[in-house]
Amino acid sequence: MTNRLPHSLRADARDNRERILAVTRTVFAAEGLDVAMREIARRAEVGPATLYRHFPTKEALVTEVFTEQMAACTAIVDEGLADPDPWRGFCQVIAKVCELHAQDRGFTAAFVSAFPRAIDFAAARERALRKVAELARRAKEAGKLRPDFVLDDLIMVLMANGGIRTTSPAAAVAASRRFAALLVQSLQTEPVRPPLPPAVRLPLTVVT
């Protein structure tokens, strides 16, 4: 009995950790990063002490939750860099990154926010942004990307893309594709205007 007890405790700890991560992914994707740690603990059906034992800070939780999304984002940029046509690679990066962010509001918030203690996340983000900057430089040299584009424009794009509100995840992705197409056309030096993806009906919020 005593020999099996530590293994049982370790299994319980693993279960708690996985449940915390699963709940946090869902909450951050739907509601962003403003959800309090205590609320995450409540929804994961664990005590706050258990949550903080696994993730001492919110930055640590953010880093763990968005590891896969950051890896996917980096892979998209690497794919764009590998394209022999830098403008085509740049367009693909914009479209795919916008779609990735449209699927998860929390990831957008984490990407554009400052988490000084989330060292791993910040380092991965900076690497991805440096690669985008290199791709943009190549696209400018090819004469396809307008010369006044700067990397801060991409951050502004992600913030705007993250503000899209629709009635379903599928509609959010569709709206993001149209937004990305509009953006790419505005950044292009040549007056080429291919058809845009289909429009998406968006709910209007009336401010009183």
Protein backbone atom coordinates (compact mmCIF):
# COMPACT_ATOMS: atom_id res chain seq x y z
CA MET A 1 0.00 0.00 0.00
CA THR A 2 2.69 2.50 1.01
CA ASN A 3 4.75 1.62 -2.07
CA ARG A 4 1.88 2.58 -4.36
CA LEU A 5 0.96 5.81 -2.61
CA PRO A 6 3.62 8.08 -4.20
CA HIS A 7 2.68 6.83 -7.67
CA SER A 8 -0.98 7.60 -6.92
CA LEU A 9 -0.11 11.09 -5.77
CA ARG A 10 1.97 11.68 -8.90
CA ALA A 11 -0.95 10.51 -11.06
CA ASP A 12 -3.29 12.89 -9.25
CA ALA A 13 -0.85 15.74 -9.78
CA ARG A 14 -0.57 14.96 -13.49
CA ASP A 15 -4.36 14.82 -13.80
CA ASN A 16 -4.69 18.18 -12.06
CA ARG A 17 -2.07 19.75 -14.29
CA GLU A 18 -3.67 18.49 -17.50
CA ARG A 19 -7.12 19.60 -16.35
CA ILE A 20 -5.80 23.06 -15.50
CA LEU A 21 -4.19 23.38 -18.93
CA ALA A 22 -7.27 22.11 -20.78
CA VAL A 23 -9.57 24.52 -18.94
CA THR A 24 -7.17 27.42 -19.39
CA ARG A 25 -6.87 26.85 -23.15
CA THR A 26 -10.65 26.95 -23.49
CA VAL A 27 -11.05 30.01 -21.27
CA PHE A 28 -8.23 32.01 -22.87
CA ALA A 29 -9.41 31.17 -26.40
CA ALA A 30 -12.94 32.35 -25.69
CA GLU A 31 -12.39 35.18 -23.22
CA GLY A 32 -8.80 36.35 -23.55
CA LEU A 33 -6.22 36.65 -20.79
CA ASP A 34 -8.14 38.77 -18.30
CA VAL A 35 -9.65 35.76 -16.52
CA ALA A 36 -8.32 35.66 -12.96
CA MET A 37 -6.20 32.76 -11.75
CA ARG A 38 -8.72 31.98 -9.00
CA GLU A 39 -11.46 31.72 -11.61
CA ILE A 40 -9.33 29.33 -13.64
CA ALA A 41 -8.81 27.22 -10.51
CA ARG A 42 -12.55 27.20 -9.86
CA ARG A 43 -13.39 26.08 -13.39
CA ALA A 44 -10.67 23.43 -13.28
CA GLU A 45 -12.12 22.23 -9.97
CA VAL A 46 -8.85 22.58 -8.10
CA GLY A 47 -7.85 24.80 -5.22
CA PRO A 48 -5.85 27.99 -5.84
CA ALA A 49 -2.92 26.44 -3.98
CA THR A 50 -2.89 23.54 -6.45
CA LEU A 51 -2.94 25.93 -9.41
CA TYR A 52 -0.09 28.02 -8.04
CA ARG A 53 1.92 24.92 -7.17
CA HIS A 54 1.92 23.95 -10.84
CA PHE A 55 2.08 27.50 -12.26
CA PRO A 56 3.50 30.04 -9.79
CA THR A 57 2.66 33.00 -12.07
CA LYS A 58 0.19 33.78 -14.80
CA GLU A 59 3.14 34.21 -17.16
CA ALA A 60 4.16 30.61 -16.49
CA LEU A 61 0.63 29.45 -17.27
CA VAL A 62 0.48 31.52 -20.47
CA THR A 63 3.81 30.10 -21.66
CA GLU A 64 2.68 26.52 -21.10
CA VAL A 65 -0.77 26.99 -22.63
CA PHE A 66 0.44 28.67 -25.82
CA THR A 67 3.54 26.56 -26.51
CA GLU A 68 1.84 24.74 -29.41
CA GLN A 69 0.42 27.94 -30.92
CA MET A 70 3.81 29.64 -30.77
CA ALA A 71 5.44 26.64 -32.44
CA ALA A 72 2.78 26.75 -35.17
CA CYS A 73 3.33 30.48 -35.64
CA THR A 74 7.08 29.97 -35.99
CA ALA A 75 6.54 27.15 -38.49
CA ILE A 76 4.33 29.44 -40.62
CA VAL A 77 7.04 32.10 -40.72
CA ASP A 78 9.74 29.53 -41.53
CA GLU A 79 7.60 28.27 -44.41
CA GLY A 80 7.24 31.79 -45.73
CA LEU A 81 11.00 32.37 -45.53
CA ALA A 82 11.62 29.15 -47.45
CA ASP A 83 9.45 30.30 -50.39
CA PRO A 84 11.68 31.42 -53.30
CA ASP A 85 9.19 34.22 -53.98
CA PRO A 86 9.45 36.52 -50.92
CA TRP A 87 6.23 38.39 -51.70
CA ARG A 88 4.26 35.17 -51.98
CA GLY A 89 5.87 33.96 -48.76
CA PHE A 90 5.00 37.24 -47.04
CA CYS A 91 1.36 37.03 -48.17
CA GLN A 92 1.09 33.45 -46.93
CA VAL A 93 2.52 34.43 -43.55
CA ILE A 94 0.02 37.27 -43.14
CA ALA A 95 -2.94 35.08 -44.11
CA LYS A 96 -1.96 32.05 -42.03
CA VAL A 97 -0.89 33.99 -38.95
CA CYS A 98 -4.12 35.99 -38.99
CA GLU A 99 -6.09 32.75 -39.25
CA LEU A 100 -4.15 31.20 -36.38
CA HIS A 101 -4.81 34.21 -34.20
CA ALA A 102 -8.48 34.35 -35.19
CA GLN A 103 -8.93 30.88 -33.75
CA ASP A 104 -7.63 31.87 -30.32
CA ARG A 105 -8.21 35.31 -28.78
CA GLY A 106 -5.94 34.42 -25.89
CA PHE A 107 -2.97 33.75 -28.13
CA THR A 108 -3.34 37.14 -29.79
CA ALA A 109 -3.50 38.84 -26.41
CA ALA A 110 -0.42 36.94 -25.22
CA PHE A 111 1.51 37.66 -28.43
CA VAL A 112 1.01 41.42 -28.33
CA SER A 113 1.31 41.75 -24.54
CA ALA A 114 4.41 42.19 -22.43
CA PHE A 115 5.07 39.29 -20.08
CA PRO A 116 8.50 40.17 -18.69
CA ARG A 117 8.75 37.01 -16.60
CA ALA A 118 7.64 34.68 -19.41
CA ILE A 119 11.16 34.43 -20.77
CA ASP A 120 10.62 31.44 -23.06
CA PHE A 121 7.47 32.90 -24.61
CA ALA A 122 9.02 36.32 -25.14
CA ALA A 123 12.14 34.81 -26.70
CA ALA A 124 10.10 32.68 -29.12
CA ARG A 125 7.99 35.69 -30.07
CA GLU A 126 11.08 37.81 -30.76
CA ARG A 127 12.58 35.08 -32.93
CA ALA A 128 9.38 34.88 -34.98
CA LEU A 129 9.24 38.66 -35.39
CA ARG A 130 12.87 38.83 -36.50
CA LYS A 131 12.11 36.25 -39.18
CA VAL A 132 9.09 38.25 -40.36
CA ALA A 133 11.30 41.33 -40.55
CA GLU A 134 13.77 39.42 -42.74
CA LEU A 135 10.96 38.22 -45.00
CA ALA A 136 9.62 41.77 -45.28
CA ARG A 137 13.11 43.01 -46.20
CA ARG A 138 13.30 40.47 -49.03
CA ALA A 139 9.82 41.38 -50.27
CA LYS A 140 10.79 45.06 -50.33
CA GLU A 141 13.98 44.31 -52.25
CA ALA A 142 11.88 42.37 -54.77
CA GLY A 143 9.82 45.53 -55.27
CA LYS A 144 6.55 43.94 -54.14
CA LEU A 145 6.10 45.21 -50.56
CA ARG A 146 5.65 48.93 -50.03
CA PRO A 147 8.89 50.39 -48.63
CA ASP A 148 7.27 52.14 -45.65
CA PHE A 149 6.04 48.87 -44.06
CA VAL A 150 7.46 48.40 -40.57
CA LEU A 151 7.19 45.52 -38.12
CA ASP A 152 4.93 47.53 -35.81
CA ASP A 153 2.37 47.41 -38.63
CA LEU A 154 2.17 43.64 -38.16
CA ILE A 155 1.47 44.06 -34.44
CA MET A 156 -1.28 46.53 -35.31
CA VAL A 157 -2.70 44.02 -37.79
CA LEU A 158 -2.78 41.26 -35.18
CA MET A 159 -4.49 43.56 -32.69
CA ALA A 160 -7.13 44.50 -35.27
CA ASN A 161 -7.56 40.89 -36.37
CA GLY A 162 -7.99 39.85 -32.73
CA GLY A 163 -10.84 42.34 -32.42
CA ILE A 164 -13.00 40.51 -34.97
CA ARG A 165 -16.17 39.30 -33.29
CA THR A 166 -18.41 36.79 -35.05
CA THR A 167 -21.14 34.31 -34.25
CA SER A 168 -18.95 31.21 -34.58
CA PRO A 169 -15.29 30.14 -34.80
CA ALA A 170 -15.75 29.26 -38.48
CA ALA A 171 -17.09 32.74 -39.20
CA ALA A 172 -14.13 34.27 -37.34
CA VAL A 173 -11.70 32.39 -39.57
CA ALA A 174 -13.61 33.41 -42.72
CA ALA A 175 -13.66 37.05 -41.64
CA SER A 176 -9.95 36.89 -40.85
CA ARG A 177 -9.20 35.59 -44.34
CA ARG A 178 -11.00 38.53 -45.93
CA PHE A 179 -9.28 40.95 -43.57
CA ALA A 180 -5.88 39.49 -44.46
CA ALA A 181 -6.64 39.75 -48.18
CA LEU A 182 -7.62 43.40 -47.81
CA LEU A 183 -4.46 44.06 -45.86
CA VAL A 184 -2.17 42.37 -48.38
CA GLN A 185 -3.66 44.41 -51.20
CA SER A 186 -3.00 47.61 -49.25
CA LEU A 187 0.65 46.64 -48.77
CA GLN A 188 1.32 45.70 -52.37
CA THR A 189 3.27 48.11 -54.55
CA GLU A 190 1.67 46.92 -57.79
CA PRO A 191 -2.00 47.76 -58.44
CA VAL A 192 -3.12 44.12 -58.64
CA ARG A 193 -6.55 43.51 -57.19
CA PRO A 194 -7.52 39.81 -57.13
CA PRO A 195 -11.00 38.94 -55.86
CA LEU A 196 -11.41 39.01 -52.09
CA PRO A 197 -12.58 35.97 -50.11
CA PRO A 198 -16.34 35.97 -49.38
CA ALA A 199 -17.62 38.58 -46.96
CA VAL A 200 -18.86 37.52 -43.54
CA ARG A 201 -21.86 39.07 -41.85
CA LEU A 202 -20.64 40.46 -38.54
CA PRO A 203 -22.80 41.30 -35.53
CA LEU A 204 -23.02 45.02 -34.83
CA THR A 205 -22.77 46.32 -31.29
CA VAL A 206 -24.61 49.58 -30.80
CA VAL A 207 -22.95 51.84 -28.24
CA THR A 208 -25.40 53.95 -26.27
